Amino acid sequence: MELPSKKEPTETLAIANIPKLMKYVGSHMLVLASLLAHVLRANGNMLSPVLFHDEAQASNLLAVHKKMKATLIYFSWLEFGPWLHHEDMWLCIGLIKHSVTDNVIGGLAITMKHLIAHILHND
């Protein structure tokens, strides 16, 4: 995914291809695939996607520089309801270094906007 940058022509972000990820889930993560099939049947084959992001930092947590900070982006479905507190219900679909986000025109907000558009239009 390419985003407008303050310094470079664009910033490149590696984001998971959701259809390919779902094929992987179906063939390698059998418990999650079974639960997903159950909630699909219970909800007429319609699910509500949910995105969550969190920060992670390697090294000194009190450091002011952002060199080792990143935002991790996770994907799940609202219909998992009571199971959403289990980390296995969340698929990590991207990691964005703060140094990259700081260079994106519009910062994290624009990054997330483009991420959502990318997911919705992913073939």
PDB file of N, CA and C in Angstrom:
ATOM      1  N   MET A   1       0.854  -1.168   0.000  1.00  0.00           N
ATOM      2  CA  MET A   1       0.000   0.000   0.000  1.00  0.00           C
ATOM      3  C   MET A   1       0.900   1.230   0.000  1.00  0.00           C
ATOM      4  N   GLU A   2       0.627   2.163  -0.876  1.00  0.00           N
ATOM      5  CA  GLU A   2       1.418   3.386  -1.017  1.00  0.00           C
ATOM      6  C   GLU A   2       0.649   4.571  -0.423  1.00  0.00           C
ATOM      7  N   LEU A   3       1.356   5.392   0.361  1.00  0.00           N
ATOM      8  CA  LEU A   3       0.748   6.574   0.979  1.00  0.00           C
ATOM      9  C   LEU A   3       1.567   7.815   0.661  1.00  0.00           C
ATOM     10  N   PRO A   4       0.908   8.985   0.550  1.00  0.00           N
ATOM     11  CA  PRO A   4       1.645  10.226   0.284  1.00  0.00           C
ATOM     12  C   PRO A   4       2.586  10.558   1.437  1.00  0.00           C
ATOM     13  N   SER A   5       3.800  10.980   1.104  1.00  0.00           N
ATOM     14  CA  SER A   5       4.836  11.205   2.108  1.00  0.00           C
ATOM     15  C   SER A   5       5.308  12.653   2.110  1.00  0.00           C
ATOM     16  N   LYS A   6       5.760  13.100   3.277  1.00  0.00           N
ATOM     17  CA  LYS A   6       6.341  14.440   3.414  1.00  0.00           C
ATOM     18  C   LYS A   6       7.755  14.482   2.837  1.00  0.00           C
ATOM     19  N   LYS A   7       8.475  13.343   2.873  1.00  0.00           N
ATOM     20  CA  LYS A   7       9.888  13.312   2.472  1.00  0.00           C
ATOM     21  C   LYS A   7      10.112  12.562   1.165  1.00  0.00           C
ATOM     22  N   GLU A   8       9.572  11.386   1.057  1.00  0.00           N
ATOM     23  CA  GLU A   8       9.742  10.545  -0.131  1.00  0.00           C
ATOM     24  C   GLU A   8       8.540  10.774  -1.049  1.00  0.00           C
ATOM     25  N   PRO A   9       8.630  10.265  -2.284  1.00  0.00           N
ATOM     26  CA  PRO A   9       7.436  10.357  -3.134  1.00  0.00           C
ATOM     27  C   PRO A   9       6.239   9.648  -2.476  1.00  0.00           C
ATOM     28  N   THR A  10       6.472   8.450  -1.930  1.00  0.00           N
ATOM     29  CA  THR A  10       5.432   7.715  -1.204  1.00  0.00           C
ATOM     30  C   THR A  10       6.083   6.903  -0.087  1.00  0.00           C
ATOM     31  N   GLU A  11       5.262   6.521   0.876  1.00  0.00           N
ATOM     32  CA  GLU A  11       5.680   5.576   1.913  1.00  0.00           C
ATOM     33  C   GLU A  11       4.987   4.258   1.607  1.00  0.00           C
ATOM     34  N   THR A  12       5.721   3.162   1.680  1.00  0.00           N
ATOM     35  CA  THR A  12       5.170   1.843   1.387  1.00  0.00           C
ATOM     36  C   THR A  12       4.892   1.106   2.690  1.00  0.00           C
ATOM     37  N   LEU A  13       3.673   0.576   2.810  1.00  0.00           N
ATOM     38  CA  LEU A  13       3.288  -0.202   3.980  1.00  0.00           C
ATOM     39  C   LEU A  13       2.926  -1.611   3.542  1.00  0.00           C
ATOM     40  N   ALA A  14       3.409  -2.588   4.273  1.00  0.00           N
ATOM     41  CA  ALA A  14       3.071  -3.982   3.993  1.00  0.00           C
ATOM     42  C   ALA A  14       1.818  -4.334   4.800  1.00  0.00           C
ATOM     43  N   ILE A  15       0.745  -4.614   4.098  1.00  0.00           N
ATOM     44  CA  ILE A  15      -0.528  -4.954   4.725  1.00  0.00           C
ATOM     45  C   ILE A  15      -0.967  -6.308   4.172  1.00  0.00           C
ATOM     46  N   ALA A  16      -1.540  -7.145   5.027  1.00  0.00           N
ATOM     47  CA  ALA A  16      -1.969  -8.475   4.606  1.00  0.00           C
ATOM     48  C   ALA A  16      -3.052  -8.402   3.533  1.00  0.00           C
ATOM     49  N   ASN A  17      -3.023  -9.352   2.649  1.00  0.00           N
ATOM     50  CA  ASN A  17      -4.083  -9.533   1.668  1.00  0.00           C
ATOM     51  C   ASN A  17      -5.152 -10.378   2.350  1.00  0.00           C
ATOM     52  N   ILE A  18      -6.301  -9.788   2.639  1.00  0.00           N
ATOM     53  CA  ILE A  18      -7.327 -10.458   3.454  1.00  0.00           C
ATOM     54  C   ILE A  18      -7.832 -11.748   2.788  1.00  0.00           C
ATOM     55  N   PRO A  19      -8.159 -11.770   1.484  1.00  0.00           N
ATOM     56  CA  PRO A  19      -8.597 -13.050   0.901  1.00  0.00           C
ATOM     57  C   PRO A  19      -7.547 -14.165   1.037  1.00  0.00           C
ATOM     58  N   LYS A  20      -6.283 -13.841   0.812  1.00  0.00           N
ATOM     59  CA  LYS A  20      -5.226 -14.854   0.971  1.00  0.00           C
ATOM     60  C   LYS A  20      -5.084 -15.257   2.436  1.00  0.00           C
ATOM     61  N   LEU A  21      -5.214 -14.295   3.336  1.00  0.00           N
ATOM     62  CA  LEU A  21      -5.134 -14.596   4.767  1.00  0.00           C
ATOM     63  C   LEU A  21      -6.261 -15.540   5.175  1.00  0.00           C
ATOM     64  N   MET A  22      -7.457 -15.317   4.636  1.00  0.00           N
ATOM     65  CA  MET A  22      -8.587 -16.174   4.989  1.00  0.00           C
ATOM     66  C   MET A  22      -8.394 -17.594   4.454  1.00  0.00           C
ATOM     67  N   LYS A  23      -7.773 -17.730   3.278  1.00  0.00           N
ATOM     68  CA  LYS A  23      -7.457 -19.071   2.771  1.00  0.00           C
ATOM     69  C   LYS A  23      -6.478 -19.765   3.701  1.00  0.00           C
ATOM     70  N   TYR A  24      -5.498 -18.997   4.204  1.00  0.00           N
ATOM     71  CA  TYR A  24      -4.535 -19.555   5.148  1.00  0.00           C
ATOM     72  C   TYR A  24      -5.242 -19.990   6.440  1.00  0.00           C
ATOM     73  N   VAL A  25      -6.124 -19.139   6.951  1.00  0.00           N
ATOM     74  CA  VAL A  25      -6.877 -19.477   8.168  1.00  0.00           C
ATOM     75  C   VAL A  25      -7.649 -20.768   7.953  1.00  0.00           C
ATOM     76  N   GLY A  26      -8.308 -20.885   6.795  1.00  0.00           N
ATOM     77  CA  GLY A  26      -9.107 -22.075   6.508  1.00  0.00           C
ATOM     78  C   GLY A  26      -8.310 -23.357   6.452  1.00  0.00           C
ATOM     79  N   SER A  27      -7.060 -23.276   6.037  1.00  0.00           N
ATOM     80  CA  SER A  27      -6.262 -24.490   5.894  1.00  0.00           C
ATOM     81  C   SER A  27      -5.277 -24.744   7.028  1.00  0.00           C
ATOM     82  N   HIS A  28      -4.937 -23.721   7.826  1.00  0.00           N
ATOM     83  CA  HIS A  28      -3.919 -23.898   8.863  1.00  0.00           C
ATOM     84  C   HIS A  28      -4.388 -23.582  10.286  1.00  0.00           C
ATOM     85  N   MET A  29      -5.454 -22.832  10.433  1.00  0.00           N
ATOM     86  CA  MET A  29      -5.942 -22.440  11.760  1.00  0.00           C
ATOM     87  C   MET A  29      -7.348 -23.020  11.921  1.00  0.00           C
ATOM     88  N   LEU A  30      -7.419 -24.326  12.110  1.00  0.00           N
ATOM     89  CA  LEU A  30      -8.678 -25.049  12.002  1.00  0.00           C
ATOM     90  C   LEU A  30      -9.701 -24.671  13.074  1.00  0.00           C
ATOM     91  N   VAL A  31      -9.259 -24.377  14.277  1.00  0.00           N
ATOM     92  CA  VAL A  31     -10.209 -23.990  15.329  1.00  0.00           C
ATOM     93  C   VAL A  31     -10.846 -22.649  14.989  1.00  0.00           C
ATOM     94  N   LEU A  32     -10.028 -21.685  14.571  1.00  0.00           N
ATOM     95  CA  LEU A  32     -10.562 -20.382  14.176  1.00  0.00           C
ATOM     96  C   LEU A  32     -11.462 -20.525  12.951  1.00  0.00           C
ATOM     97  N   ALA A  33     -11.071 -21.342  11.995  1.00  0.00           N
ATOM     98  CA  ALA A  33     -11.887 -21.560  10.799  1.00  0.00           C
ATOM     99  C   ALA A  33     -13.238 -22.177  11.158  1.00  0.00           C
ATOM    100  N   SER A  34     -13.248 -23.108  12.106  1.00  0.00           N
ATOM    101  CA  SER A  34     -14.489 -23.743  12.551  1.00  0.00           C
ATOM    102  C   SER A  34     -15.404 -22.725  13.239  1.00  0.00           C
ATOM    103  N   LEU A  35     -14.836 -21.907  14.105  1.00  0.00           N
ATOM    104  CA  LEU A  35     -15.624 -20.873  14.783  1.00  0.00           C
ATOM    105  C   LEU A  35     -16.153 -19.861  13.769  1.00  0.00           C
ATOM    106  N   LEU A  36     -15.336 -19.492  12.816  1.00  0.00           N
ATOM    107  CA  LEU A  36     -15.746 -18.552  11.777  1.00  0.00           C
ATOM    108  C   LEU A  36     -16.895 -19.133  10.956  1.00  0.00           C
ATOM    109  N   ALA A  37     -16.821 -20.410  10.604  1.00  0.00           N
ATOM    110  CA  ALA A  37     -17.907 -21.067   9.866  1.00  0.00           C
ATOM    111  C   ALA A  37     -19.191 -21.062  10.687  1.00  0.00           C
ATOM    112  N   HIS A  38     -19.069 -21.302  11.987  1.00  0.00           N
ATOM    113  CA  HIS A  38     -20.244 -21.309  12.876  1.00  0.00           C
ATOM    114  C   HIS A  38     -20.913 -19.932  12.918  1.00  0.00           C
ATOM    115  N   VAL A  39     -20.140 -18.869  13.113  1.00  0.00           N
ATOM    116  CA  VAL A  39     -20.749 -17.534  13.199  1.00  0.00           C
ATOM    117  C   VAL A  39     -21.254 -17.077  11.829  1.00  0.00           C
ATOM    118  N   LEU A  40     -20.633 -17.524  10.757  1.00  0.00           N
ATOM    119  CA  LEU A  40     -21.149 -17.215   9.413  1.00  0.00           C
ATOM    120  C   LEU A  40     -22.535 -17.820   9.217  1.00  0.00           C
ATOM    121  N   ARG A  41     -22.681 -19.096   9.565  1.00  0.00           N
ATOM    122  CA  ARG A  41     -23.990 -19.763   9.433  1.00  0.00           C
ATOM    123  C   ARG A  41     -25.032 -19.083  10.312  1.00  0.00           C
ATOM    124  N   ALA A  42     -24.640 -18.722  11.521  1.00  0.00           N
ATOM    125  CA  ALA A  42     -25.577 -18.105  12.466  1.00  0.00           C
ATOM    126  C   ALA A  42     -25.989 -16.694  12.052  1.00  0.00           C
ATOM    127  N   ASN A  43     -25.210 -16.044  11.188  1.00  0.00           N
ATOM    128  CA  ASN A  43     -25.477 -14.653  10.808  1.00  0.00           C
ATOM    129  C   ASN A  43     -25.758 -14.486   9.319  1.00  0.00           C
ATOM    130  N   GLY A  44     -26.246 -15.534   8.669  1.00  0.00           N
ATOM    131  CA  GLY A  44     -26.618 -15.433   7.271  1.00  0.00           C
ATOM    132  C   GLY A  44     -25.467 -15.084   6.345  1.00  0.00           C
ATOM    133  N   ASN A  45     -24.288 -15.617   6.629  1.00  0.00           N
ATOM    134  CA  ASN A  45     -23.074 -15.380   5.828  1.00  0.00           C
ATOM    135  C   ASN A  45     -22.655 -13.915   5.749  1.00  0.00           C
ATOM    136  N   MET A  46     -23.043 -13.124   6.732  1.00  0.00           N
ATOM    137  CA  MET A  46     -22.637 -11.716   6.800  1.00  0.00           C
ATOM    138  C   MET A  46     -21.942 -11.482   8.140  1.00  0.00           C
ATOM    139  N   LEU A  47     -20.759 -10.874   8.094  1.00  0.00           N
ATOM    140  CA  LEU A  47     -20.023 -10.564   9.312  1.00  0.00           C
ATOM    141  C   LEU A  47     -19.619  -9.100   9.309  1.00  0.00           C
ATOM    142  N   SER A  48     -19.389  -8.556  10.498  1.00  0.00           N
ATOM    143  CA  SER A  48     -18.977  -7.155  10.672  1.00  0.00           C
ATOM    144  C   SER A  48     -17.502  -7.114  11.056  1.00  0.00           C
ATOM    145  N   PRO A  49     -16.636  -6.620  10.157  1.00  0.00           N
ATOM    146  CA  PRO A  49     -15.208  -6.564  10.497  1.00  0.00           C
ATOM    147  C   PRO A  49     -14.918  -5.520  11.574  1.00  0.00           C
ATOM    148  N   VAL A  50     -13.902  -5.799  12.367  1.00  0.00           N
ATOM    149  CA  VAL A  50     -13.466  -4.904  13.430  1.00  0.00           C
ATOM    150  C   VAL A  50     -11.955  -4.735  13.294  1.00  0.00           C
ATOM    151  N   LEU A  51     -11.484  -3.494  13.365  1.00  0.00           N
ATOM    152  CA  LEU A  51     -10.051  -3.219  13.373  1.00  0.00           C
ATOM    153  C   LEU A  51      -9.651  -2.689  14.739  1.00  0.00           C
ATOM    154  N   PHE A  52      -8.448  -3.036  15.145  1.00  0.00           N
ATOM    155  CA  PHE A  52      -7.895  -2.579  16.412  1.00  0.00           C
ATOM    156  C   PHE A  52      -6.425  -2.279  16.161  1.00  0.00           C
ATOM    157  N   HIS A  53      -5.922  -1.234  16.782  1.00  0.00           N
ATOM    158  CA  HIS A  53      -4.483  -1.007  16.669  1.00  0.00           C
ATOM    159  C   HIS A  53      -3.907  -0.740  18.048  1.00  0.00           C
ATOM    160  N   ASP A  54      -2.662  -1.127  18.188  1.00  0.00           N
ATOM    161  CA  ASP A  54      -1.967  -1.003  19.463  1.00  0.00           C
ATOM    162  C   ASP A  54      -0.519  -0.638  19.163  1.00  0.00           C
ATOM    163  N   GLU A  55       0.123  -0.048  20.138  1.00  0.00           N
ATOM    164  CA  GLU A  55       1.529   0.313  19.981  1.00  0.00           C
ATOM    165  C   GLU A  55       2.426  -0.725  20.630  1.00  0.00           C
ATOM    166  N   ALA A  56       3.587  -0.869  20.045  1.00  0.00           N
ATOM    167  CA  ALA A  56       4.619  -1.728  20.616  1.00  0.00           C
ATOM    168  C   ALA A  56       5.936  -0.979  20.515  1.00  0.00           C
ATOM    169  N   GLN A  57       6.799  -1.227  21.483  1.00  0.00           N
ATOM    170  CA  GLN A  57       8.109  -0.585  21.459  1.00  0.00           C
ATOM    171  C   GLN A  57       9.155  -1.542  21.972  1.00  0.00           C
ATOM    172  N   ALA A  58      10.198  -1.694  21.188  1.00  0.00           N
ATOM    173  CA  ALA A  58      11.346  -2.476  21.634  1.00  0.00           C
ATOM    174  C   ALA A  58      12.292  -1.539  22.383  1.00  0.00           C
ATOM    175  N   SER A  59      13.104  -2.060  23.217  1.00  0.00           N
ATOM    176  CA  SER A  59      14.136  -1.327  23.980  1.00  0.00           C
ATOM    177  C   SER A  59      13.546  -0.504  25.116  1.00  0.00           C
ATOM    178  N   ASN A  60      14.091   0.671  25.360  1.00  0.00           N
ATOM    179  CA  ASN A  60      13.738   1.520  26.497  1.00  0.00           C
ATOM    180  C   ASN A  60      12.358   2.154  26.301  1.00  0.00           C
ATOM    181  N   LEU A  61      11.399   1.760  27.123  1.00  0.00           N
ATOM    182  CA  LEU A  61      10.028   2.269  26.995  1.00  0.00           C
ATOM    183  C   LEU A  61       9.908   3.757  27.280  1.00  0.00           C
ATOM    184  N   LEU A  62      10.846   4.320  28.034  1.00  0.00           N
ATOM    185  CA  LEU A  62      10.765   5.733  28.393  1.00  0.00           C
ATOM    186  C   LEU A  62      11.516   6.635  27.417  1.00  0.00           C
ATOM    187  N   ALA A  63      12.100   6.049  26.406  1.00  0.00           N
ATOM    188  CA  ALA A  63      12.866   6.848  25.438  1.00  0.00           C
ATOM    189  C   ALA A  63      11.940   7.787  24.671  1.00  0.00           C
ATOM    190  N   VAL A  64      12.415   8.980  24.377  1.00  0.00           N
ATOM    191  CA  VAL A  64      11.606   9.946  23.647  1.00  0.00           C
ATOM    192  C   VAL A  64      11.633   9.718  22.147  1.00  0.00           C
ATOM    193  N   HIS A  65      12.695   9.110  21.632  1.00  0.00           N
ATOM    194  CA  HIS A  65      12.746   8.879  20.192  1.00  0.00           C
ATOM    195  C   HIS A  65      11.820   7.723  19.817  1.00  0.00           C
ATOM    196  N   LYS A  66      11.342   7.766  18.595  1.00  0.00           N
ATOM    197  CA  LYS A  66      10.364   6.789  18.149  1.00  0.00           C
ATOM    198  C   LYS A  66      10.973   5.716  17.247  1.00  0.00           C
ATOM    199  N   LYS A  67      12.264   5.617  17.245  1.00  0.00           N
ATOM    200  CA  LYS A  67      12.950   4.716  16.327  1.00  0.00           C
ATOM    201  C   LYS A  67      12.456   3.274  16.434  1.00  0.00           C
ATOM    202  N   MET A  68      12.154   2.834  17.628  1.00  0.00           N
ATOM    203  CA  MET A  68      11.766   1.439  17.852  1.00  0.00           C
ATOM    204  C   MET A  68      10.267   1.271  18.107  1.00  0.00           C
ATOM    205  N   LYS A  69       9.463   2.313  17.864  1.00  0.00           N
ATOM    206  CA  LYS A  69       8.020   2.223  18.092  1.00  0.00           C
ATOM    207  C   LYS A  69       7.299   1.823  16.814  1.00  0.00           C
ATOM    208  N   ALA A  70       6.212   1.071  16.991  1.00  0.00           N
ATOM    209  CA  ALA A  70       5.413   0.650  15.844  1.00  0.00           C
ATOM    210  C   ALA A  70       3.948   0.528  16.253  1.00  0.00           C
ATOM    211  N   THR A  71       3.086   0.639  15.279  1.00  0.00           N
ATOM    212  CA  THR A  71       1.656   0.396  15.468  1.00  0.00           C
ATOM    213  C   THR A  71       1.336  -0.934  14.809  1.00  0.00           C
ATOM    214  N   LEU A  72       0.726  -1.821  15.576  1.00  0.00           N
ATOM    215  CA  LEU A  72       0.293  -3.119  15.049  1.00  0.00           C
ATOM    216  C   LEU A  72      -1.205  -3.036  14.800  1.00  0.00           C
ATOM    217  N   ILE A  73      -1.647  -3.575  13.672  1.00  0.00           N
ATOM    218  CA  ILE A  73      -3.051  -3.498  13.298  1.00  0.00           C
ATOM    219  C   ILE A  73      -3.621  -4.910  13.259  1.00  0.00           C
ATOM    220  N   TYR A  74      -4.753  -5.081  13.936  1.00  0.00           N
ATOM    221  CA  TYR A  74      -5.391  -6.387  14.059  1.00  0.00           C
ATOM    222  C   TYR A  74      -6.793  -6.338  13.452  1.00  0.00           C
ATOM    223  N   PHE A  75      -7.257  -7.503  12.998  1.00  0.00           N
ATOM    224  CA  PHE A  75      -8.533  -7.647  12.313  1.00  0.00           C
ATOM    225  C   PHE A  75      -9.306  -8.797  12.948  1.00  0.00           C
ATOM    226  N   SER A  76     -10.607  -8.601  13.166  1.00  0.00           N
ATOM    227  CA  SER A  76     -11.462  -9.673  13.653  1.00  0.00           C
ATOM    228  C   SER A  76     -12.891  -9.374  13.205  1.00  0.00           C
ATOM    229  N   TRP A  77     -13.852 -10.043  13.833  1.00  0.00           N
ATOM    230  CA  TRP A  77     -15.256  -9.851  13.486  1.00  0.00           C
ATOM    231  C   TRP A  77     -16.065  -9.634  14.753  1.00  0.00           C
ATOM    232  N   LEU A  78     -16.958  -8.679  14.698  1.00  0.00           N
ATOM    233  CA  LEU A  78     -17.795  -8.316  15.836  1.00  0.00           C
ATOM    234  C   LEU A  78     -18.615  -9.508  16.331  1.00  0.00           C
ATOM    235  N   GLU A  79     -19.002 -10.377  15.439  1.00  0.00           N
ATOM    236  CA  GLU A  79     -19.834 -11.529  15.793  1.00  0.00           C
ATOM    237  C   GLU A  79     -19.105 -12.540  16.682  1.00  0.00           C
ATOM    238  N   PHE A  80     -17.791 -12.409  16.835  1.00  0.00           N
ATOM    239  CA  PHE A  80     -17.065 -13.270  17.770  1.00  0.00           C
ATOM    240  C   PHE A  80     -17.361 -12.880  19.215  1.00  0.00           C
ATOM    241  N   GLY A  81     -18.015 -11.725  19.392  1.00  0.00           N
ATOM    242  CA  GLY A  81     -18.478 -11.220  20.680  1.00  0.00           C
ATOM    243  C   GLY A  81     -17.749 -11.713  21.913  1.00  0.00           C
ATOM    244  N   PRO A  82     -18.276 -12.753  22.568  1.00  0.00           N
ATOM    245  CA  PRO A  82     -17.689 -13.197  23.838  1.00  0.00           C
ATOM    246  C   PRO A  82     -16.281 -13.765  23.717  1.00  0.00           C
ATOM    247  N   TRP A  83     -15.835 -14.037  22.496  1.00  0.00           N
ATOM    248  CA  TRP A  83     -14.496 -14.601  22.302  1.00  0.00           C
ATOM    249  C   TRP A  83     -13.463 -13.540  21.935  1.00  0.00           C
ATOM    250  N   LEU A  84     -13.884 -12.308  21.755  1.00  0.00           N
ATOM    251  CA  LEU A  84     -12.947 -11.268  21.312  1.00  0.00           C
ATOM    252  C   LEU A  84     -11.853 -10.955  22.335  1.00  0.00           C
ATOM    253  N   HIS A  85     -12.043 -11.349  23.577  1.00  0.00           N
ATOM    254  CA  HIS A  85     -10.994 -11.088  24.565  1.00  0.00           C
ATOM    255  C   HIS A  85      -9.826 -12.079  24.430  1.00  0.00           C
ATOM    256  N   HIS A  86      -9.982 -13.114  23.606  1.00  0.00           N
ATOM    257  CA  HIS A  86      -8.888 -14.060  23.345  1.00  0.00           C
ATOM    258  C   HIS A  86      -8.027 -13.529  22.206  1.00  0.00           C
ATOM    259  N   GLU A  87      -6.738 -13.470  22.424  1.00  0.00           N
ATOM    260  CA  GLU A  87      -5.857 -12.924  21.393  1.00  0.00           C
ATOM    261  C   GLU A  87      -5.868 -13.752  20.117  1.00  0.00           C
ATOM    262  N   ASP A  88      -6.220 -15.031  20.204  1.00  0.00           N
ATOM    263  CA  ASP A  88      -6.267 -15.874  19.013  1.00  0.00           C
ATOM    264  C   ASP A  88      -7.400 -15.490  18.057  1.00  0.00           C
ATOM    265  N   MET A  89      -8.327 -14.681  18.510  1.00  0.00           N
ATOM    266  CA  MET A  89      -9.438 -14.241  17.660  1.00  0.00           C
ATOM    267  C   MET A  89      -9.046 -13.045  16.791  1.00  0.00           C
ATOM    268  N   TRP A  90      -7.854 -12.503  17.005  1.00  0.00           N
ATOM    269  CA  TRP A  90      -7.391 -11.321  16.276  1.00  0.00           C
ATOM    270  C   TRP A  90      -6.255 -11.713  15.349  1.00  0.00           C
ATOM    271  N   LEU A  91      -6.370 -11.323  14.089  1.00  0.00           N
ATOM    272  CA  LEU A  91      -5.335 -11.585  13.095  1.00  0.00           C
ATOM    273  C   LEU A  91      -4.534 -10.311  12.880  1.00  0.00           C
ATOM    274  N   CYS A  92      -3.228 -10.392  13.043  1.00  0.00           N
ATOM    275  CA  CYS A  92      -2.377  -9.229  12.796  1.00  0.00           C
ATOM    276  C   CYS A  92      -2.258  -9.051  11.289  1.00  0.00           C
ATOM    277  N   ILE A  93      -2.704  -7.887  10.791  1.00  0.00           N
ATOM    278  CA  ILE A  93      -2.689  -7.665   9.348  1.00  0.00           C
ATOM    279  C   ILE A  93      -1.669  -6.612   8.920  1.00  0.00           C
ATOM    280  N   GLY A  94      -1.009  -5.983   9.885  1.00  0.00           N
ATOM    281  CA  GLY A  94      -0.012  -4.999   9.503  1.00  0.00           C
ATOM    282  C   GLY A  94       0.775  -4.466  10.682  1.00  0.00           C
ATOM    283  N   LEU A  95       1.940  -3.946  10.367  1.00  0.00           N
ATOM    284  CA  LEU A  95       2.800  -3.297  11.345  1.00  0.00           C
ATOM    285  C   LEU A  95       3.373  -2.063  10.655  1.00  0.00           C
ATOM    286  N   ILE A  96       3.201  -0.917  11.307  1.00  0.00           N
ATOM    287  CA  ILE A  96       3.668   0.335  10.729  1.00  0.00           C
ATOM    288  C   ILE A  96       4.609   1.008  11.716  1.00  0.00           C
ATOM    289  N   LYS A  97       5.845   1.214  11.299  1.00  0.00           N
ATOM    290  CA  LYS A  97       6.803   1.905  12.161  1.00  0.00           C
ATOM    291  C   LYS A  97       6.372   3.359  12.325  1.00  0.00           C
ATOM    292  N   HIS A  98       6.543   3.895  13.529  1.00  0.00           N
ATOM    293  CA  HIS A  98       6.179   5.287  13.779  1.00  0.00           C
ATOM    294  C   HIS A  98       6.970   6.249  12.908  1.00  0.00           C
ATOM    295  N   SER A  99       8.194   5.897  12.601  1.00  0.00           N
ATOM    296  CA  SER A  99       8.994   6.769  11.736  1.00  0.00           C
ATOM    297  C   SER A  99       8.359   6.883  10.351  1.00  0.00           C
ATOM    298  N   VAL A 100       7.702   5.847   9.897  1.00  0.00           N
ATOM    299  CA  VAL A 100       6.990   5.883   8.618  1.00  0.00           C
ATOM    300  C   VAL A 100       5.708   6.693   8.764  1.00  0.00           C
ATOM    301  N   THR A 101       4.939   6.412   9.814  1.00  0.00           N
ATOM    302  CA  THR A 101       3.679   7.138  10.049  1.00  0.00           C
ATOM    303  C   THR A 101       3.917   8.632  10.178  1.00  0.00           C
ATOM    304  N   ASP A 102       5.015   9.012  10.827  1.00  0.00           N
ATOM    305  CA  ASP A 102       5.335  10.433  10.977  1.00  0.00           C
ATOM    306  C   ASP A 102       5.591  11.109   9.634  1.00  0.00           C
ATOM    307  N   ASN A 103       6.032  10.341   8.631  1.00  0.00           N
ATOM    308  CA  ASN A 103       6.295  10.896   7.307  1.00  0.00           C
ATOM    309  C   ASN A 103       5.061  10.941   6.410  1.00  0.00           C
ATOM    310  N   VAL A 104       4.025  10.203   6.770  1.00  0.00           N
ATOM    311  CA  VAL A 104       2.807  10.183   5.969  1.00  0.00           C
ATOM    312  C   VAL A 104       2.053  11.491   6.178  1.00  0.00           C
ATOM    313  N   ILE A 105       1.661  12.111   5.089  1.00  0.00           N
ATOM    314  CA  ILE A 105       0.878  13.348   5.180  1.00  0.00           C
ATOM    315  C   ILE A 105      -0.471  13.001   5.803  1.00  0.00           C
ATOM    316  N   GLY A 106      -0.740  13.533   6.986  1.00  0.00           N
ATOM    317  CA  GLY A 106      -1.968  13.223   7.716  1.00  0.00           C
ATOM    318  C   GLY A 106      -1.762  12.221   8.835  1.00  0.00           C
ATOM    319  N   GLY A 107      -0.566  11.638   8.933  1.00  0.00           N
ATOM    320  CA  GLY A 107      -0.214  10.761  10.045  1.00  0.00           C
ATOM    321  C   GLY A 107      -1.023   9.471  10.114  1.00  0.00           C
ATOM    322  N   LEU A 108      -1.242   9.011  11.340  1.00  0.00           N
ATOM    323  CA  LEU A 108      -1.911   7.729  11.569  1.00  0.00           C
ATOM    324  C   LEU A 108      -3.360   7.756  11.091  1.00  0.00           C
ATOM    325  N   ALA A 109      -4.050   8.882  11.223  1.00  0.00           N
ATOM    326  CA  ALA A 109      -5.454   8.958  10.804  1.00  0.00           C
ATOM    327  C   ALA A 109      -5.598   8.663   9.310  1.00  0.00           C
ATOM    328  N   ILE A 110      -4.768   9.291   8.494  1.00  0.00           N
ATOM    329  CA  ILE A 110      -4.821   9.051   7.050  1.00  0.00           C
ATOM    330  C   ILE A 110      -4.350   7.643   6.721  1.00  0.00           C
ATOM    331  N   THR A 111      -3.361   7.158   7.458  1.00  0.00           N
ATOM    332  CA  THR A 111      -2.882   5.794   7.260  1.00  0.00           C
ATOM    333  C   THR A 111      -4.020   4.805   7.483  1.00  0.00           C
ATOM    334  N   MET A 112      -4.772   4.972   8.577  1.00  0.00           N
ATOM    335  CA  MET A 112      -5.894   4.075   8.878  1.00  0.00           C
ATOM    336  C   MET A 112      -7.003   4.209   7.833  1.00  0.00           C
ATOM    337  N   LYS A 113      -7.258   5.421   7.365  1.00  0.00           N
ATOM    338  CA  LYS A 113      -8.269   5.632   6.328  1.00  0.00           C
ATOM    339  C   LYS A 113      -7.906   4.845   5.067  1.00  0.00           C
ATOM    340  N   HIS A 114      -6.651   4.938   4.639  1.00  0.00           N
ATOM    341  CA  HIS A 114      -6.201   4.215   3.453  1.00  0.00           C
ATOM    342  C   HIS A 114      -6.195   2.704   3.696  1.00  0.00           C
ATOM    343  N   LEU A 115      -5.875   2.292   4.913  1.00  0.00           N
ATOM    344  CA  LEU A 115      -5.878   0.870   5.254  1.00  0.00           C
ATOM    345  C   LEU A 115      -7.281   0.295   5.110  1.00  0.00           C
ATOM    346  N   ILE A 116      -8.264   0.981   5.640  1.00  0.00           N
ATOM    347  CA  ILE A 116      -9.649   0.511   5.546  1.00  0.00           C
ATOM    348  C   ILE A 116     -10.084   0.429   4.088  1.00  0.00           C
ATOM    349  N   ALA A 117      -9.771   1.456   3.304  1.00  0.00           N
ATOM    350  CA  ALA A 117     -10.108   1.436   1.875  1.00  0.00           C
ATOM    351  C   ALA A 117      -9.417   0.256   1.182  1.00  0.00           C
ATOM    352  N   HIS A 118      -8.165   0.003   1.538  1.00  0.00           N
ATOM    353  CA  HIS A 118      -7.406  -1.112   0.960  1.00  0.00           C
ATOM    354  C   HIS A 118      -8.077  -2.441   1.283  1.00  0.00           C
ATOM    355  N   ILE A 119      -8.491  -2.617   2.524  1.00  0.00           N
ATOM    356  CA  ILE A 119      -9.144  -3.869   2.941  1.00  0.00           C
ATOM    357  C   ILE A 119     -10.473  -4.042   2.210  1.00  0.00           C
ATOM    358  N   LEU A 120     -11.260  -2.993   2.125  1.00  0.00           N
ATOM    359  CA  LEU A 120     -12.577  -3.093   1.501  1.00  0.00           C
ATOM    360  C   LEU A 120     -12.511  -3.352  -0.006  1.00  0.00           C
ATOM    361  N   HIS A 121     -11.408  -2.930  -0.632  1.00  0.00           N
ATOM    362  CA  HIS A 121     -11.287  -3.106  -2.081  1.00  0.00           C
ATOM    363  C   HIS A 121     -10.278  -4.170  -2.471  1.00  0.00           C
ATOM    364  N   ASN A 122      -9.844  -4.975  -1.502  1.00  0.00           N
ATOM    365  CA  ASN A 122      -8.865  -6.027  -1.743  1.00  0.00           C
ATOM    366  C   ASN A 122      -9.533  -7.197  -2.460  1.00  0.00           C
ATOM    367  N   ASP A 123      -8.962  -7.628  -3.575  1.00  0.00           N
ATOM    368  CA  ASP A 123      -9.553  -8.753  -4.343  1.00  0.00           C
ATOM    369  C   ASP A 123      -8.971 -10.061  -3.893  1.00  0.00           C
TER     370      ASP A 123
END
